[in-house]
Amino acid sequence: MNPIEEESLKSQRAVQSVEVGGRLLLALAASPEPMLLKELAAKAGLPSSRAHPYLVSFGRLGFVRQDGDGSGRYALGSAALQMGLTALHQLEPLQVARPIAEVLAAETAQAVAVAVWGNLGPTVIRMIDAVHPLHVAMRAGTVMSPFGTATGRAFAGVVGSEQIADAMAGMALGFEDAPRTFDVRAYDGQIQEARDELRQHGCTRAVGKPIPGVNAFSAPIFDHERRPVLVLTLLGREDLVSASWESPMAQAVKDSAQEASRQLGHRP
């Protein structure tokens, strides 16, 4: 074996070693509580005797710690926590959601919108047109009704009541006789309906409203602090997008929103 091949083999072994050790870190990250060596090694698919040296090295680096209660259980250490927090802070929700929305639109051939909760309520920040002609007045900057649209209700079911009241008041500022503050209790019933929809089905829907002949499904996207940061909406003609809660389109929206949430560090 020549020196180049020898060096290449060493490099491959080094990469493999990192991957093996990484399985232990991933197992710890997926566990809700510290684990004993035997349990952790089994989760990573390793014998305990092989896992232990990795854990010693990770411990020296601060990636792994052992409980001080005498049990010897392993958990992620301060360095792993800092690395995770840094990664989460570098994530921008729209950067994560945009490619997922584009894949959803491509796979379903339907229009897909990404919305954020702005000063005036649900506001579209990304709109991907459908393959089939769809005449809807939705584009980046469009403000959606908090209760009259699937997008709005997906937000209404997860944001605070004060945010909804502020948005309703803001939307009415253009009218002279409009109140400057809103009693959100007047919307308690609609807020509860939105929450019930999300709890029962994992998404909200609009059937022929506010646009006749167009159905839509929406699902919220959460960040690592469980805050609703975006809403993903799929909409299309009623002959192409079934209004059934069990339809493939509804499931596709939920799966896409869940994947975006997962990438943002959200754990249900």
C-alpha atoms as a PDB file:
ATOM      1  CA  MET A   1       0.000   0.000   0.000  1.00  0.00           C
ATOM      2  CA  ASN A   2       1.455   3.363  -1.028  1.00  0.00           C
ATOM      3  CA  PRO A   3       1.504   6.397   1.327  1.00  0.00           C
ATOM      4  CA  ILE A   4      -1.421   8.054  -0.468  1.00  0.00           C
ATOM      5  CA  GLU A   5      -3.628   4.983  -0.091  1.00  0.00           C
ATOM      6  CA  GLU A   6      -2.536   4.630   3.526  1.00  0.00           C
ATOM      7  CA  GLU A   7      -3.430   8.252   4.260  1.00  0.00           C
ATOM      8  CA  SER A   8      -6.772   7.829   2.476  1.00  0.00           C
ATOM      9  CA  LEU A   9      -7.587   4.784   4.587  1.00  0.00           C
ATOM     10  CA  LYS A  10      -6.727   6.675   7.762  1.00  0.00           C
ATOM     11  CA  SER A  11      -9.034   9.498   6.702  1.00  0.00           C
ATOM     12  CA  GLN A  12     -11.856   7.060   6.057  1.00  0.00           C
ATOM     13  CA  ARG A  13     -11.337   5.499   9.479  1.00  0.00           C
ATOM     14  CA  ALA A  14     -11.380   8.934  11.088  1.00  0.00           C
ATOM     15  CA  VAL A  15     -14.683   9.839   9.416  1.00  0.00           C
ATOM     16  CA  GLN A  16     -16.190   6.503  10.375  1.00  0.00           C
ATOM     17  CA  SER A  17     -15.085   7.059  13.957  1.00  0.00           C
ATOM     18  CA  VAL A  18     -16.859  10.419  14.074  1.00  0.00           C
ATOM     19  CA  GLU A  19     -20.010   8.868  12.654  1.00  0.00           C
ATOM     20  CA  VAL A  20     -19.955   6.089  15.238  1.00  0.00           C
ATOM     21  CA  GLY A  21     -19.500   8.536  18.085  1.00  0.00           C
ATOM     22  CA  GLY A  22     -22.156  10.778  16.605  1.00  0.00           C
ATOM     23  CA  ARG A  23     -24.705   7.998  16.988  1.00  0.00           C
ATOM     24  CA  LEU A  24     -24.269   8.245  20.753  1.00  0.00           C
ATOM     25  CA  LEU A  25     -24.866  12.000  20.699  1.00  0.00           C
ATOM     26  CA  LEU A  26     -27.944  11.578  18.502  1.00  0.00           C
ATOM     27  CA  ALA A  27     -29.317   8.936  20.872  1.00  0.00           C
ATOM     28  CA  LEU A  28     -28.856  11.305  23.822  1.00  0.00           C
ATOM     29  CA  ALA A  29     -30.497  14.144  21.894  1.00  0.00           C
ATOM     30  CA  ALA A  30     -33.534  11.965  21.176  1.00  0.00           C
ATOM     31  CA  SER A  31     -33.970  10.854  24.788  1.00  0.00           C
ATOM     32  CA  PRO A  32     -36.183  12.875  27.168  1.00  0.00           C
ATOM     33  CA  GLU A  33     -34.029  11.829  30.148  1.00  0.00           C
ATOM     34  CA  PRO A  34     -30.464  10.649  30.941  1.00  0.00           C
ATOM     35  CA  MET A  35     -29.588   7.049  30.108  1.00  0.00           C
ATOM     36  CA  LEU A  36     -27.427   4.324  31.582  1.00  0.00           C
ATOM     37  CA  LEU A  37     -24.431   3.201  29.544  1.00  0.00           C
ATOM     38  CA  LYS A  38     -26.044  -0.094  28.544  1.00  0.00           C
ATOM     39  CA  GLU A  39     -29.252   1.607  27.423  1.00  0.00           C
ATOM     40  CA  LEU A  40     -27.426   4.367  25.551  1.00  0.00           C
ATOM     41  CA  ALA A  41     -25.110   1.930  23.792  1.00  0.00           C
ATOM     42  CA  ALA A  42     -28.074  -0.177  22.705  1.00  0.00           C
ATOM     43  CA  LYS A  43     -29.862   2.885  21.292  1.00  0.00           C
ATOM     44  CA  ALA A  44     -26.734   3.690  19.271  1.00  0.00           C
ATOM     45  CA  GLY A  45     -26.330   0.090  18.121  1.00  0.00           C
ATOM     46  CA  LEU A  46     -23.013  -0.400  19.925  1.00  0.00           C
ATOM     47  CA  PRO A  47     -21.690  -2.737  22.615  1.00  0.00           C
ATOM     48  CA  SER A  48     -21.093  -0.960  25.919  1.00  0.00           C
ATOM     49  CA  SER A  49     -17.358  -1.640  25.779  1.00  0.00           C
ATOM     50  CA  ARG A  50     -17.115   0.199  22.463  1.00  0.00           C
ATOM     51  CA  ALA A  51     -19.373   3.074  23.468  1.00  0.00           C
ATOM     52  CA  HIS A  52     -17.573   3.908  26.713  1.00  0.00           C
ATOM     53  CA  PRO A  53     -14.317   5.346  25.226  1.00  0.00           C
ATOM     54  CA  TYR A  54     -16.359   7.683  23.026  1.00  0.00           C
ATOM     55  CA  LEU A  55     -18.298   8.900  26.044  1.00  0.00           C
ATOM     56  CA  VAL A  56     -15.081   9.559  27.956  1.00  0.00           C
ATOM     57  CA  SER A  57     -13.792  11.743  25.099  1.00  0.00           C
ATOM     58  CA  PHE A  58     -17.132  13.521  24.703  1.00  0.00           C
ATOM     59  CA  GLY A  59     -17.126  14.155  28.444  1.00  0.00           C
ATOM     60  CA  ARG A  60     -13.715  15.823  28.292  1.00  0.00           C
ATOM     61  CA  LEU A  61     -15.004  18.106  25.528  1.00  0.00           C
ATOM     62  CA  GLY A  62     -18.180  18.966  27.403  1.00  0.00           C
ATOM     63  CA  PHE A  63     -20.521  17.279  24.936  1.00  0.00           C
ATOM     64  CA  VAL A  64     -21.592  14.652  27.475  1.00  0.00           C
ATOM     65  CA  ARG A  65     -22.009  14.724  31.237  1.00  0.00           C
ATOM     66  CA  GLN A  66     -22.861  12.160  33.886  1.00  0.00           C
ATOM     67  CA  ASP A  67     -25.497  12.700  36.543  1.00  0.00           C
ATOM     68  CA  GLY A  68     -24.043  13.514  39.925  1.00  0.00           C
ATOM     69  CA  ASP A  69     -26.579  11.381  41.790  1.00  0.00           C
ATOM     70  CA  GLY A  70     -24.420   8.264  41.656  1.00  0.00           C
ATOM     71  CA  SER A  71     -26.491   6.585  38.941  1.00  0.00           C
ATOM     72  CA  GLY A  72     -23.866   7.216  36.274  1.00  0.00           C
ATOM     73  CA  ARG A  73     -26.518   8.127  33.730  1.00  0.00           C
ATOM     74  CA  TYR A  74     -25.380  10.065  30.674  1.00  0.00           C
ATOM     75  CA  ALA A  75     -26.888  13.255  29.259  1.00  0.00           C
ATOM     76  CA  LEU A  76     -25.841  15.964  26.829  1.00  0.00           C
ATOM     77  CA  GLY A  77     -23.353  18.431  28.298  1.00  0.00           C
ATOM     78  CA  SER A  78     -22.955  22.196  28.214  1.00  0.00           C
ATOM     79  CA  ALA A  79     -20.952  22.216  24.966  1.00  0.00           C
ATOM     80  CA  ALA A  80     -23.710  20.289  23.187  1.00  0.00           C
ATOM     81  CA  LEU A  81     -26.280  22.712  24.577  1.00  0.00           C
ATOM     82  CA  GLN A  82     -24.291  25.720  23.387  1.00  0.00           C
ATOM     83  CA  MET A  83     -23.826  24.201  19.937  1.00  0.00           C
ATOM     84  CA  GLY A  84     -27.547  23.499  19.666  1.00  0.00           C
ATOM     85  CA  LEU A  85     -28.509  27.009  20.767  1.00  0.00           C
ATOM     86  CA  THR A  86     -26.091  28.552  18.288  1.00  0.00           C
ATOM     87  CA  ALA A  87     -27.533  26.451  15.467  1.00  0.00           C
ATOM     88  CA  LEU A  88     -31.085  27.427  16.421  1.00  0.00           C
ATOM     89  CA  HIS A  89     -30.268  31.138  16.593  1.00  0.00           C
ATOM     90  CA  GLN A  90     -28.767  30.959  13.118  1.00  0.00           C
ATOM     91  CA  LEU A  91     -31.984  29.540  11.686  1.00  0.00           C
ATOM     92  CA  GLU A  92     -34.412  31.895   9.988  1.00  0.00           C
ATOM     93  CA  PRO A  93     -37.938  30.445   9.805  1.00  0.00           C
ATOM     94  CA  LEU A  94     -38.535  31.598   6.223  1.00  0.00           C
ATOM     95  CA  GLN A  95     -35.206  30.176   5.062  1.00  0.00           C
ATOM     96  CA  VAL A  96     -36.292  26.824   6.442  1.00  0.00           C
ATOM     97  CA  ALA A  97     -39.891  27.013   5.192  1.00  0.00           C
ATOM     98  CA  ARG A  98     -39.222  28.328   1.678  1.00  0.00           C
ATOM     99  CA  PRO A  99     -37.691  25.154   0.160  1.00  0.00           C
ATOM    100  CA  ILE A 100     -40.265  22.989   1.930  1.00  0.00           C
ATOM    101  CA  ALA A 101     -43.073  25.119   0.486  1.00  0.00           C
ATOM    102  CA  GLU A 102     -41.529  24.873  -2.972  1.00  0.00           C
ATOM    103  CA  VAL A 103     -41.367  21.087  -2.751  1.00  0.00           C
ATOM    104  CA  LEU A 104     -44.988  20.975  -1.558  1.00  0.00           C
ATOM    105  CA  ALA A 105     -46.092  23.111  -4.515  1.00  0.00           C
ATOM    106  CA  ALA A 106     -44.104  21.015  -6.990  1.00  0.00           C
ATOM    107  CA  GLU A 107     -45.350  17.671  -5.664  1.00  0.00           C
ATOM    108  CA  THR A 108     -49.021  18.694  -5.493  1.00  0.00           C
ATOM    109  CA  ALA A 109     -49.096  21.112  -8.472  1.00  0.00           C
ATOM    110  CA  GLN A 110     -51.139  23.473  -6.270  1.00  0.00           C
ATOM    111  CA  ALA A 111     -50.591  27.027  -5.043  1.00  0.00           C
ATOM    112  CA  VAL A 112     -48.746  27.327  -1.746  1.00  0.00           C
ATOM    113  CA  ALA A 113     -48.453  30.377   0.508  1.00  0.00           C
ATOM    114  CA  VAL A 114     -46.276  31.098   3.524  1.00  0.00           C
ATOM    115  CA  ALA A 115     -47.645  33.673   5.973  1.00  0.00           C
ATOM    116  CA  VAL A 116     -46.369  35.434   9.080  1.00  0.00           C
ATOM    117  CA  TRP A 117     -48.333  37.152  11.854  1.00  0.00           C
ATOM    118  CA  GLY A 118     -47.744  40.849  11.190  1.00  0.00           C
ATOM    119  CA  ASN A 119     -49.022  44.063  12.760  1.00  0.00           C
ATOM    120  CA  LEU A 120     -52.317  43.687  10.910  1.00  0.00           C
ATOM    121  CA  GLY A 121     -52.606  39.941  11.366  1.00  0.00           C
ATOM    122  CA  PRO A 122     -51.851  37.065   8.942  1.00  0.00           C
ATOM    123  CA  THR A 123     -49.684  38.424   6.128  1.00  0.00           C
ATOM    124  CA  VAL A 124     -48.460  36.491   3.079  1.00  0.00           C
ATOM    125  CA  ILE A 125     -44.684  36.714   2.631  1.00  0.00           C
ATOM    126  CA  ARG A 126     -44.200  34.032  -0.046  1.00  0.00           C
ATOM    127  CA  MET A 127     -46.605  32.897  -2.763  1.00  0.00           C
ATOM    128  CA  ILE A 128     -45.941  30.026  -5.152  1.00  0.00           C
ATOM    129  CA  ASP A 129     -48.385  29.828  -8.053  1.00  0.00           C
ATOM    130  CA  ALA A 130     -50.237  26.665  -9.014  1.00  0.00           C
ATOM    131  CA  VAL A 131     -49.541  24.718 -12.187  1.00  0.00           C
ATOM    132  CA  HIS A 132     -53.223  25.026 -13.064  1.00  0.00           C
ATOM    133  CA  PRO A 133     -54.679  28.541 -13.484  1.00  0.00           C
ATOM    134  CA  LEU A 134     -55.984  29.840 -10.174  1.00  0.00           C
ATOM    135  CA  HIS A 135     -57.473  33.299  -9.980  1.00  0.00           C
ATOM    136  CA  VAL A 136     -56.892  34.428  -6.407  1.00  0.00           C
ATOM    137  CA  ALA A 137     -55.873  37.841  -5.097  1.00  0.00           C
ATOM    138  CA  MET A 138     -53.037  36.506  -2.957  1.00  0.00           C
ATOM    139  CA  ARG A 139     -49.488  37.757  -3.244  1.00  0.00           C
ATOM    140  CA  ALA A 140     -46.647  38.792  -0.964  1.00  0.00           C
ATOM    141  CA  GLY A 141     -47.996  41.521   1.310  1.00  0.00           C
ATOM    142  CA  THR A 142     -51.629  40.377   1.247  1.00  0.00           C
ATOM    143  CA  VAL A 143     -53.245  40.570   4.695  1.00  0.00           C
ATOM    144  CA  MET A 144     -55.640  37.697   5.373  1.00  0.00           C
ATOM    145  CA  SER A 145     -58.775  37.688   7.501  1.00  0.00           C
ATOM    146  CA  PRO A 146     -58.035  36.156  10.931  1.00  0.00           C
ATOM    147  CA  PHE A 147     -61.268  34.165  10.889  1.00  0.00           C
ATOM    148  CA  GLY A 148     -62.488  34.119   7.285  1.00  0.00           C
ATOM    149  CA  THR A 149     -59.550  32.189   5.822  1.00  0.00           C
ATOM    150  CA  ALA A 150     -57.764  28.918   6.556  1.00  0.00           C
ATOM    151  CA  THR A 151     -54.509  30.850   6.967  1.00  0.00           C
ATOM    152  CA  GLY A 152     -56.056  33.234   9.471  1.00  0.00           C
ATOM    153  CA  ARG A 153     -57.697  30.493  11.526  1.00  0.00           C
ATOM    154  CA  ALA A 154     -54.461  28.499  11.668  1.00  0.00           C
ATOM    155  CA  PHE A 155     -52.911  31.532  13.339  1.00  0.00           C
ATOM    156  CA  ALA A 156     -55.993  32.321  15.443  1.00  0.00           C
ATOM    157  CA  GLY A 157     -55.814  28.845  16.935  1.00  0.00           C
ATOM    158  CA  VAL A 158     -52.269  29.287  18.233  1.00  0.00           C
ATOM    159  CA  VAL A 159     -51.489  32.988  18.827  1.00  0.00           C
ATOM    160  CA  GLY A 160     -52.511  34.908  21.932  1.00  0.00           C
ATOM    161  CA  SER A 161     -55.863  36.667  22.236  1.00  0.00           C
ATOM    162  CA  GLU A 162     -54.164  40.046  22.703  1.00  0.00           C
ATOM    163  CA  GLN A 163     -52.372  39.654  19.380  1.00  0.00           C
ATOM    164  CA  ILE A 164     -55.680  38.968  17.670  1.00  0.00           C
ATOM    165  CA  ALA A 165     -57.310  42.009  19.287  1.00  0.00           C
ATOM    166  CA  ASP A 166     -54.403  44.246  18.243  1.00  0.00           C
ATOM    167  CA  ALA A 167     -54.594  42.975  14.671  1.00  0.00           C
ATOM    168  CA  MET A 168     -58.361  43.490  14.461  1.00  0.00           C
ATOM    169  CA  ALA A 169     -57.967  47.054  15.735  1.00  0.00           C
ATOM    170  CA  GLY A 170     -55.129  47.710  13.303  1.00  0.00           C
ATOM    171  CA  MET A 171     -57.132  46.437  10.337  1.00  0.00           C
ATOM    172  CA  ALA A 172     -59.932  48.890  11.191  1.00  0.00           C
ATOM    173  CA  LEU A 173     -57.769  52.007  11.418  1.00  0.00           C
ATOM    174  CA  GLY A 174     -58.789  53.060   7.922  1.00  0.00           C
ATOM    175  CA  PHE A 175     -62.418  53.534   9.003  1.00  0.00           C
ATOM    176  CA  GLU A 176     -63.413  56.702  10.857  1.00  0.00           C
ATOM    177  CA  ASP A 177     -66.089  55.075  12.997  1.00  0.00           C
ATOM    178  CA  ALA A 178     -64.043  51.975  13.824  1.00  0.00           C
ATOM    179  CA  PRO A 179     -63.097  51.309  17.455  1.00  0.00           C
ATOM    180  CA  ARG A 180     -59.437  51.758  18.297  1.00  0.00           C
ATOM    181  CA  THR A 181     -59.480  48.759  20.601  1.00  0.00           C
ATOM    182  CA  PHE A 182     -61.318  45.472  20.339  1.00  0.00           C
ATOM    183  CA  ASP A 183     -62.780  43.286  23.039  1.00  0.00           C
ATOM    184  CA  VAL A 184     -61.351  39.949  21.977  1.00  0.00           C
ATOM    185  CA  ARG A 185     -64.032  38.163  24.001  1.00  0.00           C
ATOM    186  CA  ALA A 186     -66.375  38.862  21.105  1.00  0.00           C
ATOM    187  CA  TYR A 187     -64.282  36.411  19.092  1.00  0.00           C
ATOM    188  CA  ASP A 188     -63.952  33.700  21.742  1.00  0.00           C
ATOM    189  CA  GLY A 189     -66.226  31.344  19.832  1.00  0.00           C
ATOM    190  CA  GLN A 190     -64.290  31.670  16.581  1.00  0.00           C
ATOM    191  CA  ILE A 191     -60.956  31.340  18.361  1.00  0.00           C
ATOM    192  CA  GLN A 192     -62.144  28.164  20.067  1.00  0.00           C
ATOM    193  CA  GLU A 193     -63.380  26.744  16.757  1.00  0.00           C
ATOM    194  CA  ALA A 194     -59.931  27.313  15.252  1.00  0.00           C
ATOM    195  CA  ARG A 195     -58.257  25.642  18.225  1.00  0.00           C
ATOM    196  CA  ASP A 196     -60.626  22.690  17.982  1.00  0.00           C
ATOM    197  CA  GLU A 197     -59.878  22.282  14.266  1.00  0.00           C
ATOM    198  CA  LEU A 198     -56.145  22.231  14.895  1.00  0.00           C
ATOM    199  CA  ARG A 199     -56.445  19.845  17.824  1.00  0.00           C
ATOM    200  CA  GLN A 200     -58.687  17.399  15.964  1.00  0.00           C
ATOM    201  CA  HIS A 201     -57.190  17.563  12.486  1.00  0.00           C
ATOM    202  CA  GLY A 202     -53.752  19.174  12.752  1.00  0.00           C
ATOM    203  CA  CYS A 203     -54.750  21.868  10.269  1.00  0.00           C
ATOM    204  CA  THR A 204     -57.530  24.308   9.371  1.00  0.00           C
ATOM    205  CA  ARG A 205     -59.490  24.451   6.127  1.00  0.00           C
ATOM    206  CA  ALA A 206     -61.537  26.760   3.954  1.00  0.00           C
ATOM    207  CA  VAL A 207     -64.205  25.258   1.690  1.00  0.00           C
ATOM    208  CA  GLY A 208     -65.248  27.639  -1.069  1.00  0.00           C
ATOM    209  CA  LYS A 209     -64.657  30.629   1.220  1.00  0.00           C
ATOM    210  CA  PRO A 210     -63.608  33.379   0.906  1.00  0.00           C
ATOM    211  CA  ILE A 211     -63.011  32.401  -2.736  1.00  0.00           C
ATOM    212  CA  PRO A 212     -65.860  30.414  -4.358  1.00  0.00           C
ATOM    213  CA  GLY A 213     -64.671  27.196  -5.954  1.00  0.00           C
ATOM    214  CA  VAL A 214     -61.340  27.212  -4.104  1.00  0.00           C
ATOM    215  CA  ASN A 215     -60.463  25.001  -1.135  1.00  0.00           C
ATOM    216  CA  ALA A 216     -57.504  25.474   1.186  1.00  0.00           C
ATOM    217  CA  PHE A 217     -55.697  23.769   4.057  1.00  0.00           C
ATOM    218  CA  SER A 218     -53.348  25.524   6.480  1.00  0.00           C
ATOM    219  CA  ALA A 219     -51.017  24.341   9.247  1.00  0.00           C
ATOM    220  CA  PRO A 220     -48.862  26.328  11.687  1.00  0.00           C
ATOM    221  CA  ILE A 221     -45.071  26.077  11.889  1.00  0.00           C
ATOM    222  CA  PHE A 222     -43.427  26.296  15.328  1.00  0.00           C
ATOM    223  CA  ASP A 223     -39.878  27.152  16.384  1.00  0.00           C
ATOM    224  CA  HIS A 224     -37.726  25.566  19.103  1.00  0.00           C
ATOM    225  CA  GLU A 225     -39.476  27.611  21.786  1.00  0.00           C
ATOM    226  CA  ARG A 226     -42.865  26.314  20.588  1.00  0.00           C
ATOM    227  CA  ARG A 227     -43.814  29.721  19.230  1.00  0.00           C
ATOM    228  CA  PRO A 228     -45.970  29.818  16.066  1.00  0.00           C
ATOM    229  CA  VAL A 229     -43.740  31.609  13.570  1.00  0.00           C
ATOM    230  CA  LEU A 230     -45.367  30.877  10.197  1.00  0.00           C
ATOM    231  CA  VAL A 231     -48.399  29.267   8.604  1.00  0.00           C
ATOM    232  CA  LEU A 232     -48.190  27.088   5.504  1.00  0.00           C
ATOM    233  CA  THR A 233     -51.234  27.073   3.207  1.00  0.00           C
ATOM    234  CA  LEU A 234     -52.093  24.966   0.164  1.00  0.00           C
ATOM    235  CA  LEU A 235     -54.989  26.096  -2.024  1.00  0.00           C
ATOM    236  CA  GLY A 236     -56.490  24.992  -5.291  1.00  0.00           C
ATOM    237  CA  ARG A 237     -59.641  24.481  -7.325  1.00  0.00           C
ATOM    238  CA  GLU A 238     -62.259  22.357  -5.610  1.00  0.00           C
ATOM    239  CA  ASP A 239     -62.050  19.740  -8.376  1.00  0.00           C
ATOM    240  CA  LEU A 240     -58.334  19.313  -7.616  1.00  0.00           C
ATOM    241  CA  VAL A 241     -58.217  19.866  -3.846  1.00  0.00           C
ATOM    242  CA  SER A 242     -60.741  17.755  -1.960  1.00  0.00           C
ATOM    243  CA  ALA A 243     -62.266  19.335   1.134  1.00  0.00           C
ATOM    244  CA  SER A 244     -61.922  16.064   3.061  1.00  0.00           C
ATOM    245  CA  TRP A 245     -59.834  16.228   6.217  1.00  0.00           C
ATOM    246  CA  GLU A 246     -58.317  12.892   5.196  1.00  0.00           C
ATOM    247  CA  SER A 247     -57.353  14.034   1.692  1.00  0.00           C
ATOM    248  CA  PRO A 248     -53.763  13.658   0.436  1.00  0.00           C
ATOM    249  CA  MET A 249     -53.541  17.454   0.125  1.00  0.00           C
ATOM    250  CA  ALA A 250     -54.441  17.986   3.785  1.00  0.00           C
ATOM    251  CA  GLN A 251     -51.886  15.389   4.838  1.00  0.00           C
ATOM    252  CA  ALA A 252     -49.220  16.938   2.616  1.00  0.00           C
ATOM    253  CA  VAL A 253     -49.694  20.343   4.255  1.00  0.00           C
ATOM    254  CA  LYS A 254     -49.473  18.859   7.747  1.00  0.00           C
ATOM    255  CA  ASP A 255     -46.392  16.813   6.890  1.00  0.00           C
ATOM    256  CA  SER A 256     -44.661  19.844   5.366  1.00  0.00           C
ATOM    257  CA  ALA A 257     -45.443  22.086   8.346  1.00  0.00           C
ATOM    258  CA  GLN A 258     -44.244  19.408  10.747  1.00  0.00           C
ATOM    259  CA  GLU A 259     -40.990  19.017   8.813  1.00  0.00           C
ATOM    260  CA  ALA A 260     -40.380  22.771   8.892  1.00  0.00           C
ATOM    261  CA  SER A 261     -41.089  22.790  12.636  1.00  0.00           C
ATOM    262  CA  ARG A 262     -38.722  19.870  13.147  1.00  0.00           C
ATOM    263  CA  GLN A 263     -35.949  21.672  11.289  1.00  0.00           C
ATOM    264  CA  LEU A 264     -36.533  24.719  13.498  1.00  0.00           C
ATOM    265  CA  GLY A 265     -35.983  22.576  16.576  1.00  0.00           C
ATOM    266  CA  HIS A 266     -39.607  22.120  17.616  1.00  0.00           C
ATOM    267  CA  ARG A 267     -40.540  19.060  19.622  1.00  0.00           C
ATOM    268  CA  PRO A 268     -44.266  18.287  19.967  1.00  0.00           C
END
